[in-house]
Every structure is written in C-alpha cells, then in structure tokens.
Amino acid sequence: MISIIESVISEFRQCFSRDAAFSWFSIVIFGLIIRFDHHGISSIIRWLMPDPACYDPMPRFFRASSWDSEELLNYWIKTSVSRYPLIKFNGRPLLIGDGIKIAKESSKTPGVKSLHQDSENSGRGEYISGHHFGYAGLLVGRPEKTFCLPLQGQIHEGVGARRHDIKIGGEPTMVTRMANLVIRTAEQTGFPCYVTLDACFSTGPAFLTFGEAVNDNGEQSVHLITRAKNNYVGYLVPEDSLLGKYEGWLRTASSDCPSEGVVRSVIQAEFLSSLGKVPADRTLRMIRGRGRETSSDIAA
C-alpha cells in the first residue's frame, strides 16, 4: 500500500518548482492519511511524530509560491481518470456532487458564518456557525463494488466563496456554485459526464446552468440526474390520434368559442386525469357536447 501511495504522489513532482515544497507536500499527504483526529497541522505533527521544530515551517508550505492549488487539482483529476477504472453509463462517467456544513467553534475563522441546518436530526440546532463546502467526486471501481473518488471541493458560503468565478448561471448562489464546480470538473476529465445531485439542487438555475454548458463538439458537457421535488407539476401532451378525433370542431382564438389551446388543454385533462377531478365548468360541458355556443350564450 505504501509503495502504491508513493508512486501516486511522485507523479505530482512536476507541479512544484522546488524540491523542498514537494517534500513538504509528501509529508502533509501522508499525515492526512494516517491521522485519527481532525485538528489541522497539529494532527499531522502528532501522528507522524517529526521533530517539533517542523511545526513552524509547515504552515509556510501552504502559502508558498512554488506551487498552485488549481494546477495541483487539475493534475489530480487527470491522474484519477488515467489510473482508476471508471464506471460509465452510455459511455459517460458519473460524477457525484454534494454539500456539507461543518460546525466550527471559532466565529473568527475565515469563511465561518451562520448556516441554516437542513438536517432532520432534532438534536441539532436550526442554525450553526461553520463552513459550507461543496464537493465533486467520480464513481470508480467495478460494477459489483463501486466508490466515490473525491476530485475537488471549495467553500460555497462565506468569504472564500467570493474567490471562485461563476462563469455560467448568473447570480452566485449555492446551487450555481455547485453546478459550476461540477461543470469545471467534467471539463477537466475530458469526457461528457452525468452527475447525480441531491434534490435541493433540483431547481431552475441548476437546469439552466447545465443546459448552457456545451463542449467543443456542441454536446452538453453534463447531464443532471436528480430527484424532482414534490411541488413540481408536469404536463403530458396528448397523442395526435386523440386530437385528430376533435379536429373538425377545434376553434381558433378569433371565434366566439375558446381558443384551440384551451380546448386542447381541456381534452388533455379529460382523458389523462380522473373525470371525477375535472371541474364540470361551462367550457368542459361545451367540449363534451361538441356544441357551438354563440357570443350571447357565452356572455350569459
């Protein structure tokens, strides 16, 4: 296992302009893998047990100019696509995106803000102070055993959210930030992808954002798969054979009777819904009877 991790880390040497920065990168990655708590740099020092004097220079690694985080993430995505078996559907890999809100004790930490807690757990407060992260991962493995490989993440609410450019979708929101994160990830994989998101992302801005993202071949870069909300309304178009039955008496907008669009909608409601739920108003009685009401009749 150590040799495999070492071979993966060694591929990132080209992302660093200095040997010292790459050495610190390797130390940090191994420290994040073996630690059992989440106390930042203190956890890495505690579990790797290096010289305590290493604590002061380690924070400087994260501010060094010898490497760029965006370049590192781009190379990680390319490495993931080339090294790991992708689970594809219709020739498209499947991305998985979601957000997570992590509570923080300190209110002065950059990016910490008051967040509404959407969890159904009654033991949690309605509002927490913390970070809101958005993550995108890639489904890899075998058909009988799959898992999500994290590719990249970013802060979606707080001061850090302002640093990310929203190229598609207009106003920066939690939904458009997640959509742009997924689109950028899909473009970096080099494949048109599917993505599965939670139902909270099943909104108009998300669909419009994904619809505007196309690749060089004019294909949609990402197709969204999500669960529709329970307040959505769908309309079925009646078959041509059904409307052809009433072709002789469909009216136009200039006639005394309702327009063709109104008549079509009532026919659709009559044949595709329960008759007990259709209101028996004058328009429906007129259509069922196929009568031609005059202007005086309608006025009455």
C-alpha atoms as a PDB file:
ATOM      1  CA  MET A   1       0.000   0.000   0.000  1.00  0.00           C
ATOM      2  CA  ILE A   2       2.837   2.421   0.888  1.00  0.00           C
ATOM      3  CA  SER A   3       4.521   1.796  -2.461  1.00  0.00           C
ATOM      4  CA  ILE A   4       1.292   2.490  -4.347  1.00  0.00           C
ATOM      5  CA  ILE A   5       0.719   5.761  -2.474  1.00  0.00           C
ATOM      6  CA  GLU A   6       4.347   6.728  -3.079  1.00  0.00           C
ATOM      7  CA  SER A   7       4.024   6.082  -6.810  1.00  0.00           C
ATOM      8  CA  VAL A   8       0.910   8.273  -7.000  1.00  0.00           C
ATOM      9  CA  ILE A   9       2.489  11.121  -5.021  1.00  0.00           C
ATOM     10  CA  SER A  10       5.677  11.015  -7.099  1.00  0.00           C
ATOM     11  CA  GLU A  11       3.664  11.901 -10.218  1.00  0.00           C
ATOM     12  CA  PHE A  12       2.955  15.356  -8.740  1.00  0.00           C
ATOM     13  CA  ARG A  13       6.610  16.381  -8.678  1.00  0.00           C
ATOM     14  CA  GLN A  14       6.159  18.365 -11.895  1.00  0.00           C
ATOM     15  CA  CYS A  15       3.599  20.617 -10.143  1.00  0.00           C
ATOM     16  CA  PHE A  16       6.277  22.016  -7.792  1.00  0.00           C
ATOM     17  CA  SER A  17       9.147  24.283  -8.774  1.00  0.00           C
ATOM     18  CA  ARG A  18      11.184  23.486  -5.640  1.00  0.00           C
ATOM     19  CA  ASP A  19      12.222  20.168  -4.106  1.00  0.00           C
ATOM     20  CA  ALA A  20      11.545  21.442  -0.587  1.00  0.00           C
ATOM     21  CA  ALA A  21       7.910  22.245  -1.415  1.00  0.00           C
ATOM     22  CA  PHE A  22       7.369  18.777  -2.907  1.00  0.00           C
ATOM     23  CA  SER A  23       8.916  17.170   0.192  1.00  0.00           C
ATOM     24  CA  TRP A  24       6.521  19.077   2.446  1.00  0.00           C
ATOM     25  CA  PHE A  25       3.641  18.081   0.140  1.00  0.00           C
ATOM     26  CA  SER A  26       4.537  14.405   0.577  1.00  0.00           C
ATOM     27  CA  ILE A  27       4.729  14.798   4.369  1.00  0.00           C
ATOM     28  CA  VAL A  28       1.345  16.539   4.523  1.00  0.00           C
ATOM     29  CA  ILE A  29      -0.370  13.898   2.357  1.00  0.00           C
ATOM     30  CA  PHE A  30       0.943  11.012   4.464  1.00  0.00           C
ATOM     31  CA  GLY A  31      -0.023  12.880   7.626  1.00  0.00           C
ATOM     32  CA  LEU A  32      -3.589  13.397   6.392  1.00  0.00           C
ATOM     33  CA  ILE A  33      -3.850   9.685   5.556  1.00  0.00           C
ATOM     34  CA  ILE A  34      -2.709   8.232   8.873  1.00  0.00           C
ATOM     35  CA  ARG A  35      -4.163  10.754  11.345  1.00  0.00           C
ATOM     36  CA  PHE A  36      -7.134   9.787  13.530  1.00  0.00           C
ATOM     37  CA  ASP A  37      -8.279  13.265  14.547  1.00  0.00           C
ATOM     38  CA  HIS A  38      -9.019  16.488  12.705  1.00  0.00           C
ATOM     39  CA  HIS A  39      -7.004  19.233  14.342  1.00  0.00           C
ATOM     40  CA  GLY A  40      -5.165  20.583  11.320  1.00  0.00           C
ATOM     41  CA  ILE A  41      -1.380  20.774  11.368  1.00  0.00           C
ATOM     42  CA  SER A  42      -1.331  19.625  14.996  1.00  0.00           C
ATOM     43  CA  SER A  43      -2.773  16.260  13.912  1.00  0.00           C
ATOM     44  CA  ILE A  44      -0.093  15.789  11.249  1.00  0.00           C
ATOM     45  CA  ILE A  45       2.717  16.572  13.719  1.00  0.00           C
ATOM     46  CA  ARG A  46       1.160  14.368  16.395  1.00  0.00           C
ATOM     47  CA  TRP A  47       0.770  11.248  14.246  1.00  0.00           C
ATOM     48  CA  LEU A  48       3.925  11.492  12.120  1.00  0.00           C
ATOM     49  CA  MET A  49       5.998  12.417  15.199  1.00  0.00           C
ATOM     50  CA  PRO A  50       8.656  14.517  13.417  1.00  0.00           C
ATOM     51  CA  ASP A  51      10.918  16.966  15.187  1.00  0.00           C
ATOM     52  CA  PRO A  52       8.730  19.579  16.969  1.00  0.00           C
ATOM     53  CA  ALA A  53      10.717  22.253  15.139  1.00  0.00           C
ATOM     54  CA  CYS A  54       8.856  21.225  11.956  1.00  0.00           C
ATOM     55  CA  TYR A  55       5.662  22.810  13.235  1.00  0.00           C
ATOM     56  CA  ASP A  56       6.637  26.404  12.377  1.00  0.00           C
ATOM     57  CA  PRO A  57       7.824  25.835   8.775  1.00  0.00           C
ATOM     58  CA  MET A  58       4.859  23.599   7.867  1.00  0.00           C
ATOM     59  CA  PRO A  59       2.253  26.425   7.753  1.00  0.00           C
ATOM     60  CA  ARG A  60       4.556  28.338   5.381  1.00  0.00           C
ATOM     61  CA  PHE A  61       4.252  25.492   2.878  1.00  0.00           C
ATOM     62  CA  PHE A  62       0.565  26.308   2.316  1.00  0.00           C
ATOM     63  CA  ARG A  63       1.438  29.922   1.432  1.00  0.00           C
ATOM     64  CA  ALA A  64       4.429  29.106  -0.779  1.00  0.00           C
ATOM     65  CA  SER A  65       4.573  30.487  -4.324  1.00  0.00           C
ATOM     66  CA  SER A  66       6.337  27.386  -5.664  1.00  0.00           C
ATOM     67  CA  TRP A  67       3.042  25.607  -6.347  1.00  0.00           C
ATOM     68  CA  ASP A  68      -0.525  26.450  -7.355  1.00  0.00           C
ATOM     69  CA  SER A  69      -3.583  24.743  -5.906  1.00  0.00           C
ATOM     70  CA  GLU A  70      -5.586  24.933  -9.154  1.00  0.00           C
ATOM     71  CA  GLU A  71      -2.777  23.284 -11.113  1.00  0.00           C
ATOM     72  CA  LEU A  72      -2.495  20.608  -8.442  1.00  0.00           C
ATOM     73  CA  LEU A  73      -6.242  19.868  -8.597  1.00  0.00           C
ATOM     74  CA  ASN A  74      -6.213  19.723 -12.394  1.00  0.00           C
ATOM     75  CA  TYR A  75      -3.371  17.214 -12.345  1.00  0.00           C
ATOM     76  CA  TRP A  76      -5.126  15.150  -9.663  1.00  0.00           C
ATOM     77  CA  ILE A  77      -8.225  14.882 -11.874  1.00  0.00           C
ATOM     78  CA  LYS A  78      -6.154  13.792 -14.894  1.00  0.00           C
ATOM     79  CA  THR A  79      -4.320  11.255 -12.741  1.00  0.00           C
ATOM     80  CA  SER A  80      -7.603   9.876 -11.372  1.00  0.00           C
ATOM     81  CA  VAL A  81      -9.070   9.421 -14.849  1.00  0.00           C
ATOM     82  CA  SER A  82      -5.973   7.625 -16.129  1.00  0.00           C
ATOM     83  CA  ARG A  83      -5.190   5.413 -13.096  1.00  0.00           C
ATOM     84  CA  TYR A  84      -8.587   4.251 -11.830  1.00  0.00           C
ATOM     85  CA  PRO A  85     -11.320   2.225 -13.590  1.00  0.00           C
ATOM     86  CA  LEU A  86     -14.249   4.483 -14.408  1.00  0.00           C
ATOM     87  CA  ILE A  87     -17.854   3.357 -14.128  1.00  0.00           C
ATOM     88  CA  LYS A  88     -19.520   4.591 -17.326  1.00  0.00           C
ATOM     89  CA  PHE A  89     -23.140   4.768 -18.447  1.00  0.00           C
ATOM     90  CA  ASN A  90     -23.708   5.150 -22.183  1.00  0.00           C
ATOM     91  CA  GLY A  91     -20.022   5.986 -22.492  1.00  0.00           C
ATOM     92  CA  ARG A  92     -20.195   8.773 -19.872  1.00  0.00           C
ATOM     93  CA  PRO A  93     -18.535   8.738 -16.433  1.00  0.00           C
ATOM     94  CA  LEU A  94     -20.732   9.510 -13.439  1.00  0.00           C
ATOM     95  CA  LEU A  95     -19.877  12.464 -11.193  1.00  0.00           C
ATOM     96  CA  ILE A  96     -21.323  12.767  -7.697  1.00  0.00           C
ATOM     97  CA  GLY A  97     -21.763  16.153  -6.046  1.00  0.00           C
ATOM     98  CA  ASP A  98     -22.991  17.240  -2.649  1.00  0.00           C
ATOM     99  CA  GLY A  99     -22.509  19.884   0.018  1.00  0.00           C
ATOM    100  CA  ILE A 100     -21.669  19.543   3.683  1.00  0.00           C
ATOM    101  CA  LYS A 101     -21.902  22.000   6.571  1.00  0.00           C
ATOM    102  CA  ILE A 102     -19.182  21.558   9.194  1.00  0.00           C
ATOM    103  CA  ALA A 103     -19.647  23.284  12.552  1.00  0.00           C
ATOM    104  CA  LYS A 104     -16.754  25.346  13.920  1.00  0.00           C
ATOM    105  CA  GLU A 105     -16.216  26.585  17.455  1.00  0.00           C
ATOM    106  CA  SER A 106     -14.491  29.817  16.458  1.00  0.00           C
ATOM    107  CA  SER A 107     -16.526  32.617  14.859  1.00  0.00           C
ATOM    108  CA  LYS A 108     -13.379  34.493  13.744  1.00  0.00           C
ATOM    109  CA  THR A 109     -12.031  31.789  11.430  1.00  0.00           C
ATOM    110  CA  PRO A 110     -12.080  32.900   7.763  1.00  0.00           C
ATOM    111  CA  GLY A 111     -15.125  31.596   5.925  1.00  0.00           C
ATOM    112  CA  VAL A 112     -17.117  30.801   9.073  1.00  0.00           C
ATOM    113  CA  LYS A 113     -20.661  32.156   9.027  1.00  0.00           C
ATOM    114  CA  SER A 114     -24.110  31.388  10.403  1.00  0.00           C
ATOM    115  CA  LEU A 115     -25.584  28.491   8.425  1.00  0.00           C
ATOM    116  CA  HIS A 116     -29.116  27.107   8.392  1.00  0.00           C
ATOM    117  CA  GLN A 117     -29.097  23.454   9.410  1.00  0.00           C
ATOM    118  CA  ASP A 118     -31.146  21.349   6.963  1.00  0.00           C
ATOM    119  CA  SER A 119     -30.654  18.081   8.818  1.00  0.00           C
ATOM    120  CA  GLU A 120     -33.741  16.235  10.044  1.00  0.00           C
ATOM    121  CA  ASN A 121     -31.900  15.365  13.272  1.00  0.00           C
ATOM    122  CA  SER A 122     -33.835  17.078  16.060  1.00  0.00           C
ATOM    123  CA  GLY A 123     -30.740  17.062  18.262  1.00  0.00           C
ATOM    124  CA  ARG A 124     -29.067  19.720  16.101  1.00  0.00           C
ATOM    125  CA  GLY A 125     -29.805  23.410  16.289  1.00  0.00           C
ATOM    126  CA  GLU A 126     -31.582  25.241  13.496  1.00  0.00           C
ATOM    127  CA  TYR A 127     -28.513  27.430  12.903  1.00  0.00           C
ATOM    128  CA  ILE A 128     -24.819  26.629  13.307  1.00  0.00           C
ATOM    129  CA  SER A 129     -21.592  28.540  12.803  1.00  0.00           C
ATOM    130  CA  GLY A 130     -19.257  26.807  10.403  1.00  0.00           C
ATOM    131  CA  HIS A 131     -18.066  26.217   6.869  1.00  0.00           C
ATOM    132  CA  HIS A 132     -20.230  25.127   3.945  1.00  0.00           C
ATOM    133  CA  PHE A 133     -18.235  23.066   1.460  1.00  0.00           C
ATOM    134  CA  GLY A 134     -19.230  21.721  -1.948  1.00  0.00           C
ATOM    135  CA  TYR A 135     -17.519  18.594  -3.299  1.00  0.00           C
ATOM    136  CA  ALA A 136     -17.439  16.742  -6.607  1.00  0.00           C
ATOM    137  CA  GLY A 137     -16.277  13.134  -6.948  1.00  0.00           C
ATOM    138  CA  LEU A 138     -16.014  10.441  -9.593  1.00  0.00           C
ATOM    139  CA  LEU A 139     -17.605   6.985  -9.470  1.00  0.00           C
ATOM    140  CA  VAL A 140     -14.849   4.381  -9.913  1.00  0.00           C
ATOM    141  CA  GLY A 141     -14.373   0.672  -9.251  1.00  0.00           C
ATOM    142  CA  ARG A 142     -16.133  -2.386 -10.631  1.00  0.00           C
ATOM    143  CA  PRO A 143     -19.846  -2.955 -11.275  1.00  0.00           C
ATOM    144  CA  GLU A 144     -20.089  -5.191  -8.210  1.00  0.00           C
ATOM    145  CA  LYS A 145     -18.210  -2.745  -5.951  1.00  0.00           C
ATOM    146  CA  THR A 146     -18.018   0.986  -6.556  1.00  0.00           C
ATOM    147  CA  PHE A 147     -16.989   4.032  -4.533  1.00  0.00           C
ATOM    148  CA  CYS A 148     -16.750   7.773  -4.974  1.00  0.00           C
ATOM    149  CA  LEU A 149     -13.259   9.170  -5.547  1.00  0.00           C
ATOM    150  CA  PRO A 150     -13.099  12.838  -4.385  1.00  0.00           C
ATOM    151  CA  LEU A 151     -11.781  15.169  -7.067  1.00  0.00           C
ATOM    152  CA  GLN A 152     -12.117  18.715  -5.754  1.00  0.00           C
ATOM    153  CA  GLY A 153     -14.032  20.895  -3.333  1.00  0.00           C
ATOM    154  CA  GLN A 154     -14.479  24.543  -2.436  1.00  0.00           C
ATOM    155  CA  ILE A 155     -16.205  26.814   0.064  1.00  0.00           C
ATOM    156  CA  HIS A 156     -19.720  27.665  -1.140  1.00  0.00           C
ATOM    157  CA  GLU A 157     -20.758  30.120   1.562  1.00  0.00           C
ATOM    158  CA  GLY A 158     -18.556  32.673   3.302  1.00  0.00           C
ATOM    159  CA  VAL A 159     -15.642  34.874   2.326  1.00  0.00           C
ATOM    160  CA  GLY A 160     -13.938  32.098   0.388  1.00  0.00           C
ATOM    161  CA  ALA A 161     -16.926  31.768  -1.937  1.00  0.00           C
ATOM    162  CA  ARG A 162     -16.180  35.156  -3.495  1.00  0.00           C
ATOM    163  CA  ARG A 163     -12.878  33.899  -4.879  1.00  0.00           C
ATOM    164  CA  HIS A 164     -14.491  31.427  -7.276  1.00  0.00           C
ATOM    165  CA  ASP A 165     -15.646  32.776 -10.598  1.00  0.00           C
ATOM    166  CA  ILE A 166     -19.201  31.869 -11.592  1.00  0.00           C
ATOM    167  CA  LYS A 167     -18.876  31.599 -15.374  1.00  0.00           C
ATOM    168  CA  ILE A 168     -22.354  30.185 -16.033  1.00  0.00           C
ATOM    169  CA  GLY A 169     -25.653  30.662 -14.233  1.00  0.00           C
ATOM    170  CA  GLY A 170     -25.703  34.362 -13.404  1.00  0.00           C
ATOM    171  CA  GLU A 171     -26.108  35.236  -9.721  1.00  0.00           C
ATOM    172  CA  PRO A 172     -23.693  33.299  -7.450  1.00  0.00           C
ATOM    173  CA  THR A 173     -25.739  31.028  -5.196  1.00  0.00           C
ATOM    174  CA  MET A 174     -25.192  27.696  -3.508  1.00  0.00           C
ATOM    175  CA  VAL A 175     -26.867  25.992  -6.488  1.00  0.00           C
ATOM    176  CA  THR A 176     -24.941  27.801  -9.238  1.00  0.00           C
ATOM    177  CA  ARG A 177     -21.631  27.348  -7.406  1.00  0.00           C
ATOM    178  CA  MET A 178     -22.196  23.593  -7.213  1.00  0.00           C
ATOM    179  CA  ALA A 179     -23.220  23.491 -10.875  1.00  0.00           C
ATOM    180  CA  ASN A 180     -20.091  25.399 -11.941  1.00  0.00           C
ATOM    181  CA  LEU A 181     -17.902  23.167  -9.782  1.00  0.00           C
ATOM    182  CA  VAL A 182     -19.324  20.060 -11.471  1.00  0.00           C
ATOM    183  CA  ILE A 183     -19.005  21.599 -14.946  1.00  0.00           C
ATOM    184  CA  ARG A 184     -15.338  22.522 -14.381  1.00  0.00           C
ATOM    185  CA  THR A 185     -14.652  19.017 -13.064  1.00  0.00           C
ATOM    186  CA  ALA A 186     -16.301  17.420 -16.096  1.00  0.00           C
ATOM    187  CA  GLU A 187     -14.311  19.605 -18.488  1.00  0.00           C
ATOM    188  CA  GLN A 188     -11.063  18.628 -16.755  1.00  0.00           C
ATOM    189  CA  THR A 189     -11.858  14.903 -17.093  1.00  0.00           C
ATOM    190  CA  GLY A 190     -12.110  15.296 -20.871  1.00  0.00           C
ATOM    191  CA  PHE A 191     -15.427  13.386 -21.051  1.00  0.00           C
ATOM    192  CA  PRO A 192     -19.075  14.423 -21.251  1.00  0.00           C
ATOM    193  CA  CYS A 193     -20.474  13.246 -17.922  1.00  0.00           C
ATOM    194  CA  TYR A 194     -23.587  12.502 -15.942  1.00  0.00           C
ATOM    195  CA  VAL A 195     -23.897  13.964 -12.441  1.00  0.00           C
ATOM    196  CA  THR A 196     -26.132  12.986  -9.548  1.00  0.00           C
ATOM    197  CA  LEU A 197     -27.103  15.712  -7.087  1.00  0.00           C
ATOM    198  CA  ASP A 198     -29.405  15.978  -4.101  1.00  0.00           C
ATOM    199  CA  ALA A 199     -32.991  17.127  -4.552  1.00  0.00           C
ATOM    200  CA  CYS A 200     -32.141  20.563  -3.141  1.00  0.00           C
ATOM    201  CA  PHE A 201     -30.238  21.230  -6.390  1.00  0.00           C
ATOM    202  CA  SER A 202     -33.319  20.354  -8.458  1.00  0.00           C
ATOM    203  CA  THR A 203     -34.082  23.984  -9.307  1.00  0.00           C
ATOM    204  CA  GLY A 204     -34.429  26.137 -12.393  1.00  0.00           C
ATOM    205  CA  PRO A 205     -30.994  27.810 -12.109  1.00  0.00           C
ATOM    206  CA  ALA A 206     -29.299  24.389 -11.928  1.00  0.00           C
ATOM    207  CA  PHE A 207     -31.057  23.088 -15.050  1.00  0.00           C
ATOM    208  CA  LEU A 208     -30.342  26.306 -16.952  1.00  0.00           C
ATOM    209  CA  THR A 209     -26.676  26.305 -15.896  1.00  0.00           C
ATOM    210  CA  PHE A 210     -26.111  22.715 -17.001  1.00  0.00           C
ATOM    211  CA  GLY A 211     -28.021  23.381 -20.229  1.00  0.00           C
ATOM    212  CA  GLU A 212     -25.702  26.253 -21.163  1.00  0.00           C
ATOM    213  CA  ALA A 213     -22.528  24.198 -20.671  1.00  0.00           C
ATOM    214  CA  VAL A 214     -21.520  22.631 -24.001  1.00  0.00           C
ATOM    215  CA  ASN A 215     -18.195  21.236 -25.195  1.00  0.00           C
ATOM    216  CA  ASP A 216     -16.320  21.957 -28.429  1.00  0.00           C
ATOM    217  CA  ASN A 217     -18.480  19.448 -30.313  1.00  0.00           C
ATOM    218  CA  GLY A 218     -21.683  21.227 -29.314  1.00  0.00           C
ATOM    219  CA  GLU A 219     -22.678  18.437 -26.894  1.00  0.00           C
ATOM    220  CA  GLN A 220     -23.950  19.160 -23.413  1.00  0.00           C
ATOM    221  CA  SER A 221     -20.999  18.664 -21.052  1.00  0.00           C
ATOM    222  CA  VAL A 222     -23.034  17.454 -18.074  1.00  0.00           C
ATOM    223  CA  HIS A 223     -26.465  15.830 -17.818  1.00  0.00           C
ATOM    224  CA  LEU A 224     -28.082  16.258 -14.407  1.00  0.00           C
ATOM    225  CA  ILE A 225     -29.734  13.302 -12.655  1.00  0.00           C
ATOM    226  CA  THR A 226     -31.706  14.268  -9.559  1.00  0.00           C
ATOM    227  CA  ARG A 227     -34.960  13.678  -7.728  1.00  0.00           C
ATOM    228  CA  ALA A 228     -37.809  16.027  -8.542  1.00  0.00           C
ATOM    229  CA  LYS A 229     -39.329  17.982  -5.696  1.00  0.00           C
ATOM    230  CA  ASN A 230     -42.871  17.161  -4.601  1.00  0.00           C
ATOM    231  CA  ASN A 231     -44.184  20.566  -5.719  1.00  0.00           C
ATOM    232  CA  TYR A 232     -43.249  20.072  -9.365  1.00  0.00           C
ATOM    233  CA  VAL A 233     -46.006  19.950 -11.974  1.00  0.00           C
ATOM    234  CA  GLY A 234     -45.656  18.055 -15.245  1.00  0.00           C
ATOM    235  CA  TYR A 235     -47.890  18.245 -18.290  1.00  0.00           C
ATOM    236  CA  LEU A 236     -48.389  15.461 -20.814  1.00  0.00           C
ATOM    237  CA  VAL A 237     -49.021  16.218 -24.449  1.00  0.00           C
ATOM    238  CA  PRO A 238     -52.000  14.200 -25.788  1.00  0.00           C
ATOM    239  CA  GLU A 239     -51.413  11.918 -28.726  1.00  0.00           C
ATOM    240  CA  ASP A 240     -52.148  13.202 -32.229  1.00  0.00           C
ATOM    241  CA  SER A 241     -54.769  10.499 -32.712  1.00  0.00           C
ATOM    242  CA  LEU A 242     -56.708  11.840 -29.738  1.00  0.00           C
ATOM    243  CA  LEU A 243     -56.668  15.414 -31.012  1.00  0.00           C
ATOM    244  CA  GLY A 244     -57.450  14.234 -34.534  1.00  0.00           C
ATOM    245  CA  LYS A 245     -60.767  12.944 -33.247  1.00  0.00           C
ATOM    246  CA  TYR A 246     -61.798  16.546 -32.489  1.00  0.00           C
ATOM    247  CA  GLU A 247     -60.140  18.174 -35.497  1.00  0.00           C
ATOM    248  CA  GLY A 248     -63.442  19.252 -37.026  1.00  0.00           C
ATOM    249  CA  TRP A 249     -64.592  21.367 -34.111  1.00  0.00           C
ATOM    250  CA  LEU A 250     -61.394  22.840 -32.606  1.00  0.00           C
ATOM    251  CA  ARG A 251     -61.867  26.601 -32.575  1.00  0.00           C
ATOM    252  CA  THR A 252     -59.427  29.415 -33.195  1.00  0.00           C
ATOM    253  CA  ALA A 253     -58.747  32.389 -30.985  1.00  0.00           C
ATOM    254  CA  SER A 254     -60.786  34.672 -33.255  1.00  0.00           C
ATOM    255  CA  SER A 255     -64.017  32.671 -32.877  1.00  0.00           C
ATOM    256  CA  ASP A 256     -66.695  33.123 -30.249  1.00  0.00           C
ATOM    257  CA  CYS A 257     -65.667  29.877 -28.568  1.00  0.00           C
ATOM    258  CA  PRO A 258     -62.479  29.232 -26.569  1.00  0.00           C
ATOM    259  CA  SER A 259     -59.189  29.062 -28.445  1.00  0.00           C
ATOM    260  CA  GLU A 260     -57.683  25.862 -29.741  1.00  0.00           C
ATOM    261  CA  GLY A 261     -55.086  25.873 -26.950  1.00  0.00           C
ATOM    262  CA  VAL A 262     -57.808  25.985 -24.294  1.00  0.00           C
ATOM    263  CA  VAL A 263     -59.733  23.190 -25.952  1.00  0.00           C
ATOM    264  CA  ARG A 264     -56.621  21.044 -26.248  1.00  0.00           C
ATOM    265  CA  SER A 265     -55.819  21.517 -22.556  1.00  0.00           C
ATOM    266  CA  VAL A 266     -59.346  20.518 -21.522  1.00  0.00           C
ATOM    267  CA  ILE A 267     -59.235  17.432 -23.738  1.00  0.00           C
ATOM    268  CA  GLN A 268     -55.925  16.519 -22.145  1.00  0.00           C
ATOM    269  CA  ALA A 269     -57.371  16.945 -18.653  1.00  0.00           C
ATOM    270  CA  GLU A 270     -60.440  14.894 -19.569  1.00  0.00           C
ATOM    271  CA  PHE A 271     -58.597  11.892 -20.982  1.00  0.00           C
ATOM    272  CA  LEU A 272     -55.405  11.892 -18.897  1.00  0.00           C
ATOM    273  CA  SER A 273     -56.931  12.641 -15.496  1.00  0.00           C
ATOM    274  CA  SER A 274     -59.701  11.180 -13.421  1.00  0.00           C
ATOM    275  CA  LEU A 275     -63.051  12.508 -14.602  1.00  0.00           C
ATOM    276  CA  GLY A 276     -64.069  12.996 -11.000  1.00  0.00           C
ATOM    277  CA  LYS A 277     -61.291  15.542 -10.529  1.00  0.00           C
ATOM    278  CA  VAL A 278     -62.063  17.589 -13.646  1.00  0.00           C
ATOM    279  CA  PRO A 279     -64.314  20.583 -12.824  1.00  0.00           C
ATOM    280  CA  ALA A 280     -67.533  20.437 -14.783  1.00  0.00           C
ATOM    281  CA  ASP A 281     -67.444  24.072 -15.894  1.00  0.00           C
ATOM    282  CA  ARG A 282     -69.090  25.543 -18.979  1.00  0.00           C
ATOM    283  CA  THR A 283     -66.026  25.010 -21.168  1.00  0.00           C
ATOM    284  CA  LEU A 284     -65.833  21.307 -20.357  1.00  0.00           C
ATOM    285  CA  ARG A 285     -69.580  20.813 -20.902  1.00  0.00           C
ATOM    286  CA  MET A 286     -69.315  22.638 -24.215  1.00  0.00           C
ATOM    287  CA  ILE A 287     -66.443  20.442 -25.394  1.00  0.00           C
ATOM    288  CA  ARG A 288     -68.110  17.229 -24.299  1.00  0.00           C
ATOM    289  CA  GLY A 289     -71.309  18.201 -26.065  1.00  0.00           C
ATOM    290  CA  ARG A 290     -69.431  19.465 -29.159  1.00  0.00           C
ATOM    291  CA  GLY A 291     -71.870  22.324 -29.318  1.00  0.00           C
ATOM    292  CA  ARG A 292     -71.203  25.705 -30.928  1.00  0.00           C
ATOM    293  CA  GLU A 293     -72.147  28.334 -28.447  1.00  0.00           C
ATOM    294  CA  THR A 294     -72.841  31.782 -29.700  1.00  0.00           C
ATOM    295  CA  SER A 295     -71.498  35.011 -28.258  1.00  0.00           C
ATOM    296  CA  SER A 296     -74.777  35.618 -26.468  1.00  0.00           C
ATOM    297  CA  ASP A 297     -74.640  32.164 -24.897  1.00  0.00           C
ATOM    298  CA  ILE A 298     -71.083  32.731 -23.644  1.00  0.00           C
ATOM    299  CA  ALA A 299     -71.988  36.180 -22.324  1.00  0.00           C
ATOM    300  CA  ALA A 300     -74.908  34.684 -20.463  1.00  0.00           C
END
